[in-house]
Amino acid sequence: MAEEINVGLIGYKFMGKAHSQGFRDVAFYFPDVKPRPRMKVICGRDEKGVTEAQKQFGWDEYETNWRNLVQRSDIGLVDIATGNNVHHEMAIAAAEAGKHIFCEKPLAMNVAQAREMVNAVKKAGVINMVNFNYRAVPAIRFAKQLIDEGKIGRIFHWRGFYLQDWIIDPDFPLVWRLQGDVAGSGAHGDLAAHSIDLAHYLVGDIDEVVGHQETFVKERPKLAATTGGLTAAGSSEKGEVTVDDASLFLVKFKNGAVGTFEATRFAAGHRNGNTFEINGDKGSIRFNVERLNELEYFDRSDPGDRQGFRVIQTTEGSHPWMHAWWPPAHIIGWAQTFTHQVYELMTGIATRKNPHADFEDGLKCQIVLEAVTRSSRERRWVSTSEI
């Protein structure tokens, strides 16, 4: 196996920056990583923007045409950190070119695309991973460990909500995340996708759903030509919002547990509140990404007069990934989840085994997303087997 693998990254803004940080830092903190990623090429349509990103993030070269990047013989891994509407086309092309693939979530615009992507990577035999980066939070990986050890017993309830507040102002402009032809969906695919994936990871597969979706602001100012992101500016012309602002749904898991989900960008006071609680017959676990280094654990076997949720600082060297970082209680942050993701991805390439979450996991999530949307439209319970 080669000591290095050349990486080509498509996309250089929010997620491009986060992914770049992961590739840049992984060998510093995990010196045993093999192969080591080489930040070879970054790609974006705007030459000025992508050249600035190349210099800032530390990439060797840049491209302005993603097809050129995918076809380069010196690229072994293609990282897709773009808008949702091009994941399918790029991943299919990368797979057909024999490249390993790291792709942003949600995997695709719909289930049909996701299935084609799964088939493409299987046919090509390439390693694939979806960036559900919350699986790479040490507290969440430790929660998985506790569940697998039976510490909370038989699971009855999943309770998950992902709350943000950045588009409450009706004058906030029509950025790409609010346009269905680019994003596919709104808070549902952007936020609930993370909750669905964590529920799959920690509790099990989802069997049936019933949901409701709402768009509170139907029209917004169109985007001023030179702006974007959370500080975007609008023009005087209005355009239609074609995605959901909020998504709420109930689920039945195949193992008999039940769950509730809520995702919204209209929850004032919540900047990035990705929270869940899991209740079992022996105890409970809860987590909030805004307190990323903490896991709350309740043990029913404690004496009644001493029961209560305890806060576990998941910063010990024995906690997942933490041996690579700092002494206990010297916390890490959200950015380090990308370092962990890259480490898992490199290990997968070395062992020829997909890390999680892979494209199959992305498809499972896409099926639930689509089932909830159908349920909201048709006002009924929908089985995931229908999708």
Protein backbone atom coordinates (compact mmCIF):
# COMPACT_ATOMS: atom_id res chain seq x y z
CA MET A 1 0.00 0.00 0.00
CA ALA A 2 1.24 3.48 -0.87
CA GLU A 3 2.29 5.68 2.02
CA GLU A 4 0.26 8.61 0.62
CA ILE A 5 -2.96 9.13 -1.26
CA ASN A 6 -3.60 12.26 -3.31
CA VAL A 7 -6.90 13.95 -2.48
CA GLY A 8 -9.02 16.08 -4.78
CA LEU A 9 -11.58 18.25 -2.96
CA ILE A 10 -14.57 19.69 -4.84
CA GLY A 11 -15.92 22.69 -2.93
CA TYR A 12 -14.07 25.31 -0.93
CA LYS A 13 -16.55 27.21 1.24
CA PHE A 14 -18.00 26.14 4.62
CA MET A 15 -17.65 22.38 4.23
CA GLY A 16 -14.58 22.67 2.02
CA LYS A 17 -12.84 24.51 4.83
CA ALA A 18 -13.94 21.93 7.41
CA HIS A 19 -12.82 18.99 5.26
CA SER A 20 -9.50 20.71 4.53
CA GLN A 21 -8.86 21.06 8.25
CA GLY A 22 -9.41 17.31 8.67
CA PHE A 23 -6.96 16.39 5.92
CA ARG A 24 -4.40 18.93 7.13
CA ASP A 25 -4.39 17.85 10.78
CA VAL A 26 -4.89 14.08 10.73
CA ALA A 27 -1.22 13.06 10.45
CA PHE A 28 -0.17 15.58 13.12
CA TYR A 29 -2.52 14.10 15.74
CA PHE A 30 -2.66 10.52 14.42
CA PRO A 31 0.91 9.82 13.22
CA ASP A 32 0.01 6.18 12.60
CA VAL A 33 -2.49 7.11 9.90
CA LYS A 34 -2.01 5.18 6.66
CA PRO A 35 -2.18 6.20 3.94
CA ARG A 36 -1.43 9.83 4.68
CA PRO A 37 -3.66 12.17 2.71
CA ARG A 38 -1.86 14.65 0.48
CA MET A 39 -3.87 17.80 -0.19
CA LYS A 40 -3.26 17.74 -3.92
CA VAL A 41 -6.08 19.63 -5.68
CA ILE A 42 -8.98 21.83 -4.59
CA CYS A 43 -11.72 22.64 -7.09
CA GLY A 44 -14.28 25.42 -7.45
CA ARG A 45 -16.01 27.26 -10.29
CA ASP A 46 -14.87 30.74 -9.23
CA GLU A 47 -11.15 30.97 -9.98
CA LYS A 48 -10.53 33.89 -7.66
CA GLY A 49 -12.29 32.20 -4.76
CA VAL A 50 -10.71 28.80 -5.24
CA THR A 51 -7.17 30.17 -5.59
CA GLU A 52 -7.62 32.06 -2.33
CA ALA A 53 -8.86 28.87 -0.67
CA GLN A 54 -5.95 26.89 -2.13
CA LYS A 55 -3.46 29.21 -0.46
CA GLN A 56 -5.35 29.57 2.81
CA PHE A 57 -6.12 25.88 3.33
CA GLY A 58 -2.81 24.52 2.02
CA TRP A 59 -3.66 22.66 -1.19
CA ASP A 60 -0.95 22.09 -3.80
CA GLU A 61 -3.02 23.03 -6.85
CA TYR A 62 -6.46 24.12 -7.95
CA GLU A 63 -8.92 23.24 -10.71
CA THR A 64 -12.04 25.07 -11.89
CA ASN A 65 -13.63 22.07 -13.63
CA TRP A 66 -14.54 19.13 -11.42
CA ARG A 67 -14.52 16.70 -14.34
CA ASN A 68 -10.84 17.44 -14.90
CA LEU A 69 -10.15 16.67 -11.25
CA VAL A 70 -12.04 13.36 -11.32
CA GLN A 71 -10.20 12.17 -14.43
CA ARG A 72 -6.70 12.99 -13.15
CA SER A 73 -4.59 9.84 -12.86
CA ASP A 74 -2.77 11.19 -9.80
CA ILE A 75 -5.94 11.55 -7.68
CA GLY A 76 -6.90 8.56 -5.52
CA LEU A 77 -9.66 10.06 -3.35
CA VAL A 78 -12.39 12.49 -4.45
CA ASP A 79 -14.04 14.54 -1.70
CA ILE A 80 -17.43 16.03 -2.65
CA ALA A 81 -18.20 19.05 -0.44
CA THR A 82 -20.71 20.78 -2.71
CA GLY A 83 -24.39 21.60 -2.94
CA ASN A 84 -26.66 18.55 -2.79
CA ASN A 85 -27.81 18.73 -6.42
CA VAL A 86 -24.45 17.63 -7.84
CA HIS A 87 -23.48 14.84 -5.41
CA HIS A 88 -25.00 12.18 -7.66
CA GLU A 89 -23.29 13.20 -10.88
CA MET A 90 -19.91 13.72 -9.24
CA ALA A 91 -19.97 10.50 -7.23
CA ILE A 92 -20.96 8.39 -10.24
CA ALA A 93 -18.14 9.92 -12.30
CA ALA A 94 -15.63 9.42 -9.48
CA ALA A 95 -16.65 5.79 -8.99
CA GLU A 96 -16.41 5.08 -12.72
CA ALA A 97 -12.92 6.60 -12.64
CA GLY A 98 -11.96 4.20 -9.82
CA LYS A 99 -11.61 6.84 -7.11
CA HIS A 100 -12.42 6.38 -3.45
CA ILE A 101 -15.16 8.85 -2.42
CA PHE A 102 -15.93 11.02 0.61
CA CYS A 103 -19.29 12.77 0.15
CA GLU A 104 -21.24 15.38 2.06
CA LYS A 105 -24.70 14.61 3.44
CA PRO A 106 -27.45 14.13 2.57
CA LEU A 107 -26.08 11.65 0.08
CA ALA A 108 -28.36 12.70 -2.78
CA MET A 109 -31.45 14.65 -3.79
CA ASN A 110 -33.67 11.58 -3.60
CA VAL A 111 -33.69 7.81 -3.05
CA ALA A 112 -33.39 6.97 -6.74
CA GLN A 113 -30.13 8.92 -6.98
CA ALA A 114 -28.83 7.43 -3.73
CA ARG A 115 -29.48 3.89 -4.96
CA GLU A 116 -27.59 4.60 -8.18
CA MET A 117 -24.67 5.95 -6.15
CA VAL A 118 -24.60 2.84 -3.96
CA ASN A 119 -24.65 0.61 -7.04
CA ALA A 120 -21.85 2.64 -8.65
CA VAL A 121 -19.44 2.35 -5.71
CA LYS A 122 -20.20 -1.35 -5.32
CA LYS A 123 -19.58 -2.00 -9.01
CA ALA A 124 -16.34 -0.02 -8.92
CA GLY A 125 -15.19 -1.58 -5.65
CA VAL A 126 -14.13 1.79 -4.21
CA ILE A 127 -14.14 2.79 -0.55
CA ASN A 128 -16.93 5.26 0.24
CA MET A 129 -17.98 7.40 3.18
CA VAL A 130 -20.69 9.97 3.89
CA ASN A 131 -19.89 12.93 6.11
CA PHE A 132 -22.24 12.27 9.00
CA ASN A 133 -19.59 13.83 11.21
CA TYR A 134 -21.52 13.55 14.48
CA ARG A 135 -20.68 9.85 14.51
CA ALA A 136 -17.11 11.10 15.03
CA VAL A 137 -17.88 12.94 18.29
CA PRO A 138 -16.13 11.04 21.12
CA ALA A 139 -19.17 11.39 23.41
CA ILE A 140 -21.44 9.86 20.77
CA ARG A 141 -19.03 7.03 19.99
CA PHE A 142 -18.84 6.40 23.76
CA ALA A 143 -22.65 6.40 23.93
CA LYS A 144 -22.61 3.67 21.27
CA GLN A 145 -20.15 1.73 23.42
CA LEU A 146 -22.40 1.99 26.49
CA ILE A 147 -25.44 0.88 24.48
CA ASP A 148 -23.56 -2.08 22.99
CA GLU A 149 -22.45 -3.08 26.50
CA GLY A 150 -26.09 -3.16 27.60
CA LYS A 151 -25.71 -0.29 30.05
CA ILE A 152 -29.13 1.20 29.27
CA GLY A 153 -30.76 -2.14 28.45
CA ARG A 154 -33.72 -2.55 26.15
CA ILE A 155 -34.34 0.75 24.35
CA PHE A 156 -37.85 2.19 24.45
CA HIS A 157 -37.50 5.80 23.28
CA TRP A 158 -35.43 7.96 20.96
CA ARG A 159 -36.05 11.69 21.33
CA GLY A 160 -34.06 13.84 18.92
CA PHE A 161 -34.22 17.45 17.83
CA TYR A 162 -31.91 19.65 15.82
CA LEU A 163 -32.67 23.33 16.31
CA GLN A 164 -31.22 26.40 14.62
CA ASP A 165 -32.47 29.99 14.30
CA TRP A 166 -30.58 31.63 11.43
CA ILE A 167 -33.48 32.29 9.02
CA ILE A 168 -36.16 33.66 11.36
CA ASP A 169 -35.78 37.12 9.85
CA PRO A 170 -38.11 37.16 6.79
CA ASP A 171 -35.66 39.52 5.09
CA PHE A 172 -32.87 36.97 5.19
CA PRO A 173 -32.24 36.20 1.51
CA LEU A 174 -32.94 33.17 -0.63
CA VAL A 175 -29.63 31.33 -0.25
CA TRP A 176 -29.14 27.95 -1.94
CA ARG A 177 -30.24 26.02 1.14
CA LEU A 178 -33.72 27.50 0.68
CA GLN A 179 -34.04 26.42 -2.94
CA GLY A 180 -35.43 22.95 -3.55
CA ASP A 181 -33.75 22.46 -6.92
CA VAL A 182 -30.32 22.81 -5.27
CA ALA A 183 -30.83 21.64 -1.69
CA GLY A 184 -33.56 19.04 -2.21
CA SER A 185 -35.14 19.92 1.14
CA GLY A 186 -34.69 22.42 3.94
CA ALA A 187 -34.22 21.71 7.65
CA HIS A 188 -35.36 18.17 6.87
CA GLY A 189 -32.39 17.12 4.73
CA ASP A 190 -29.89 19.47 6.31
CA LEU A 191 -30.62 18.88 10.00
CA ALA A 192 -32.99 15.92 10.44
CA ALA A 193 -30.64 13.84 8.27
CA HIS A 194 -28.07 14.01 11.08
CA SER A 195 -30.66 12.96 13.67
CA ILE A 196 -31.89 10.09 11.50
CA ASP A 197 -28.36 8.82 10.98
CA LEU A 198 -27.60 8.97 14.71
CA ALA A 199 -30.84 7.14 15.47
CA HIS A 200 -29.89 4.42 12.98
CA TYR A 201 -26.41 4.23 14.52
CA LEU A 202 -27.47 4.16 18.17
CA VAL A 203 -30.95 2.59 18.18
CA GLY A 204 -31.54 0.68 14.94
CA ASP A 205 -33.34 0.75 11.62
CA ILE A 206 -36.56 2.73 11.24
CA ASP A 207 -39.67 0.87 10.06
CA GLU A 208 -42.49 3.44 9.78
CA VAL A 209 -42.88 7.21 9.95
CA VAL A 210 -45.57 9.84 10.17
CA GLY A 211 -44.66 13.49 9.81
CA HIS A 212 -45.48 17.09 9.10
CA GLN A 213 -43.43 19.75 7.35
CA GLU A 214 -44.01 23.51 7.32
CA THR A 215 -42.65 26.53 5.47
CA PHE A 216 -43.23 29.66 7.57
CA VAL A 217 -41.79 32.26 5.19
CA LYS A 218 -42.99 31.61 1.65
CA GLU A 219 -41.00 34.35 -0.14
CA ARG A 220 -37.64 35.96 0.53
CA PRO A 221 -35.41 38.55 -1.12
CA LYS A 222 -33.35 37.03 -3.91
CA LEU A 223 -29.66 36.77 -3.19
CA ALA A 224 -27.42 39.69 -4.05
CA ALA A 225 -24.98 38.48 -6.69
CA THR A 226 -21.76 38.57 -4.68
CA THR A 227 -22.88 37.30 -1.28
CA GLY A 228 -23.68 33.99 0.40
CA GLY A 229 -23.71 32.06 3.66
CA LEU A 230 -25.06 33.27 7.00
CA THR A 231 -24.07 36.88 6.24
CA ALA A 232 -25.74 36.91 2.83
CA ALA A 233 -27.41 40.09 1.55
CA GLY A 234 -30.64 40.26 -0.42
CA SER A 235 -31.79 42.25 -3.40
CA SER A 236 -35.08 44.12 -3.88
CA GLU A 237 -36.59 41.25 -5.91
CA LYS A 238 -38.44 38.41 -4.13
CA GLY A 239 -38.31 34.68 -4.84
CA GLU A 240 -40.22 31.63 -3.63
CA VAL A 241 -38.88 29.45 -0.81
CA THR A 242 -39.22 25.90 -2.10
CA VAL A 243 -38.09 23.86 0.92
CA ASP A 244 -39.40 23.15 4.41
CA ASP A 245 -38.50 25.43 7.30
CA ALA A 246 -39.43 22.80 9.90
CA SER A 247 -39.93 19.04 9.93
CA LEU A 248 -41.50 17.01 12.74
CA PHE A 249 -42.14 13.27 12.73
CA LEU A 250 -42.75 10.13 14.76
CA VAL A 251 -41.10 6.81 13.98
CA LYS A 252 -41.40 3.15 14.86
CA PHE A 253 -38.10 1.28 14.90
CA LYS A 254 -37.86 -2.29 13.69
CA ASN A 255 -36.74 -3.39 17.17
CA GLY A 256 -39.92 -2.07 18.80
CA ALA A 257 -38.60 1.27 20.07
CA VAL A 258 -40.41 4.49 19.19
CA GLY A 259 -38.99 7.92 18.43
CA THR A 260 -39.72 11.59 17.93
CA PHE A 261 -37.78 13.98 15.70
CA GLU A 262 -37.87 17.74 15.20
CA ALA A 263 -35.71 19.84 12.88
CA THR A 264 -36.16 23.57 12.41
CA ARG A 265 -34.30 26.77 11.58
CA PHE A 266 -36.90 28.84 13.48
CA ALA A 267 -35.99 28.00 17.10
CA ALA A 268 -34.90 31.34 18.57
CA GLY A 269 -31.90 31.00 20.85
CA HIS A 270 -30.60 27.78 19.31
CA ARG A 271 -27.55 28.30 17.12
CA ASN A 272 -26.78 24.62 16.55
CA GLY A 273 -28.68 22.51 19.06
CA ASN A 274 -28.26 18.91 17.92
CA THR A 275 -29.69 17.02 20.88
CA PHE A 276 -30.93 13.52 21.60
CA GLU A 277 -32.06 11.38 24.53
CA ILE A 278 -32.36 7.60 24.58
CA ASN A 279 -34.36 5.81 27.29
CA GLY A 280 -33.98 2.12 28.15
CA ASP A 281 -35.08 -0.21 30.91
CA LYS A 282 -31.70 0.06 32.68
CA GLY A 283 -30.94 3.73 32.10
CA SER A 284 -30.80 6.70 29.77
CA ILE A 285 -28.32 8.72 27.73
CA ARG A 286 -28.57 12.29 26.47
CA PHE A 287 -26.33 14.57 24.48
CA ASN A 288 -26.23 18.11 23.07
CA VAL A 289 -23.58 19.06 20.53
CA GLU A 290 -23.38 22.55 22.06
CA ARG A 291 -21.76 20.71 25.02
CA LEU A 292 -19.78 18.44 22.72
CA ASN A 293 -17.40 16.92 25.27
CA GLU A 294 -20.15 15.86 27.69
CA LEU A 295 -22.38 12.79 27.77
CA GLU A 296 -25.16 12.54 30.35
CA TYR A 297 -25.83 9.05 31.70
CA PHE A 298 -28.54 7.81 34.09
CA ASP A 299 -28.18 4.39 35.75
CA ARG A 300 -31.37 2.86 37.21
CA SER A 301 -29.31 0.42 39.27
CA ASP A 302 -28.09 3.24 41.52
CA PRO A 303 -29.88 3.47 44.89
CA GLY A 304 -33.03 5.57 44.62
CA ASP A 305 -31.72 8.30 46.89
CA ARG A 306 -28.61 8.67 44.70
CA GLN A 307 -30.12 8.47 41.25
CA GLY A 308 -29.73 11.26 38.74
CA PHE A 309 -28.11 12.05 35.44
CA ARG A 310 -24.33 12.16 35.78
CA VAL A 311 -22.17 14.22 33.42
CA ILE A 312 -19.30 12.25 31.91
CA GLN A 313 -16.46 14.33 30.49
CA THR A 314 -15.51 12.21 27.49
CA THR A 315 -11.94 13.49 27.44
CA GLU A 316 -10.08 10.57 29.04
CA GLY A 317 -7.41 8.84 27.01
CA SER A 318 -9.60 5.71 27.04
CA HIS A 319 -12.48 7.51 25.34
CA PRO A 320 -12.72 7.18 21.54
CA TRP A 321 -9.92 9.02 19.68
CA MET A 322 -8.93 11.03 22.78
CA HIS A 323 -5.50 9.41 23.15
CA ALA A 324 -4.41 11.60 20.22
CA TRP A 325 -5.36 14.90 21.80
CA TRP A 326 -4.84 16.44 25.24
CA PRO A 327 -4.84 15.53 28.94
CA PRO A 328 -8.29 14.87 30.49
CA ALA A 329 -10.71 17.84 30.53
CA HIS A 330 -8.70 19.72 27.90
CA ILE A 331 -11.62 19.76 25.50
CA ILE A 332 -11.76 19.40 21.74
CA GLY A 333 -14.24 21.01 19.33
CA TRP A 334 -16.55 20.46 16.38
CA ALA A 335 -13.70 20.78 13.87
CA GLN A 336 -11.98 17.73 15.30
CA THR A 337 -14.84 15.51 14.16
CA PHE A 338 -13.50 15.99 10.62
CA THR A 339 -10.03 14.92 11.73
CA HIS A 340 -11.58 11.76 13.15
CA GLN A 341 -13.60 11.22 9.98
CA VAL A 342 -10.49 11.46 7.82
CA TYR A 343 -8.63 9.05 10.11
CA GLU A 344 -11.47 6.51 9.81
CA LEU A 345 -11.57 7.02 6.05
CA MET A 346 -7.82 6.47 5.65
CA THR A 347 -8.06 3.33 7.78
CA GLY A 348 -10.89 2.12 5.56
CA ILE A 349 -8.78 2.65 2.45
CA ALA A 350 -5.88 0.77 4.05
CA THR A 351 -8.03 -2.18 5.13
CA ARG A 352 -10.33 -2.13 2.08
CA LYS A 353 -13.35 -1.89 4.38
CA ASN A 354 -15.85 0.96 4.25
CA PRO A 355 -15.83 3.15 7.36
CA HIS A 356 -19.18 4.27 8.72
CA ALA A 357 -21.25 6.03 7.68
CA ASP A 358 -20.90 4.64 4.14
CA PHE A 359 -23.12 5.10 1.08
CA GLU A 360 -25.41 2.30 2.29
CA ASP A 361 -25.97 4.28 5.50
CA GLY A 362 -26.58 7.38 3.39
CA LEU A 363 -29.22 5.50 1.39
CA LYS A 364 -30.96 4.31 4.56
CA CYS A 365 -31.13 7.90 5.75
CA GLN A 366 -32.42 9.07 2.36
CA ILE A 367 -35.22 6.49 2.49
CA VAL A 368 -36.42 7.84 5.85
CA LEU A 369 -36.17 11.43 4.63
CA GLU A 370 -38.31 10.60 1.61
CA ALA A 371 -40.81 8.58 3.67
CA VAL A 372 -41.37 11.54 6.01
CA THR A 373 -41.91 13.91 3.09
CA ARG A 374 -44.41 11.50 1.55
CA SER A 375 -46.16 11.14 4.91
CA SER A 376 -46.47 14.92 5.26
CA ARG A 377 -47.85 15.22 1.73
CA GLU A 378 -50.27 12.28 1.98
CA ARG A 379 -51.14 12.72 5.68
CA ARG A 380 -50.59 9.08 6.70
CA TRP A 381 -48.10 6.61 8.19
CA VAL A 382 -45.54 5.51 5.59
CA SER A 383 -43.41 2.36 5.80
CA THR A 384 -39.79 2.65 4.75
CA SER A 385 -40.36 -0.51 2.68
CA GLU A 386 -42.62 1.57 0.38
CA ILE A 387 -39.79 3.83 -0.69
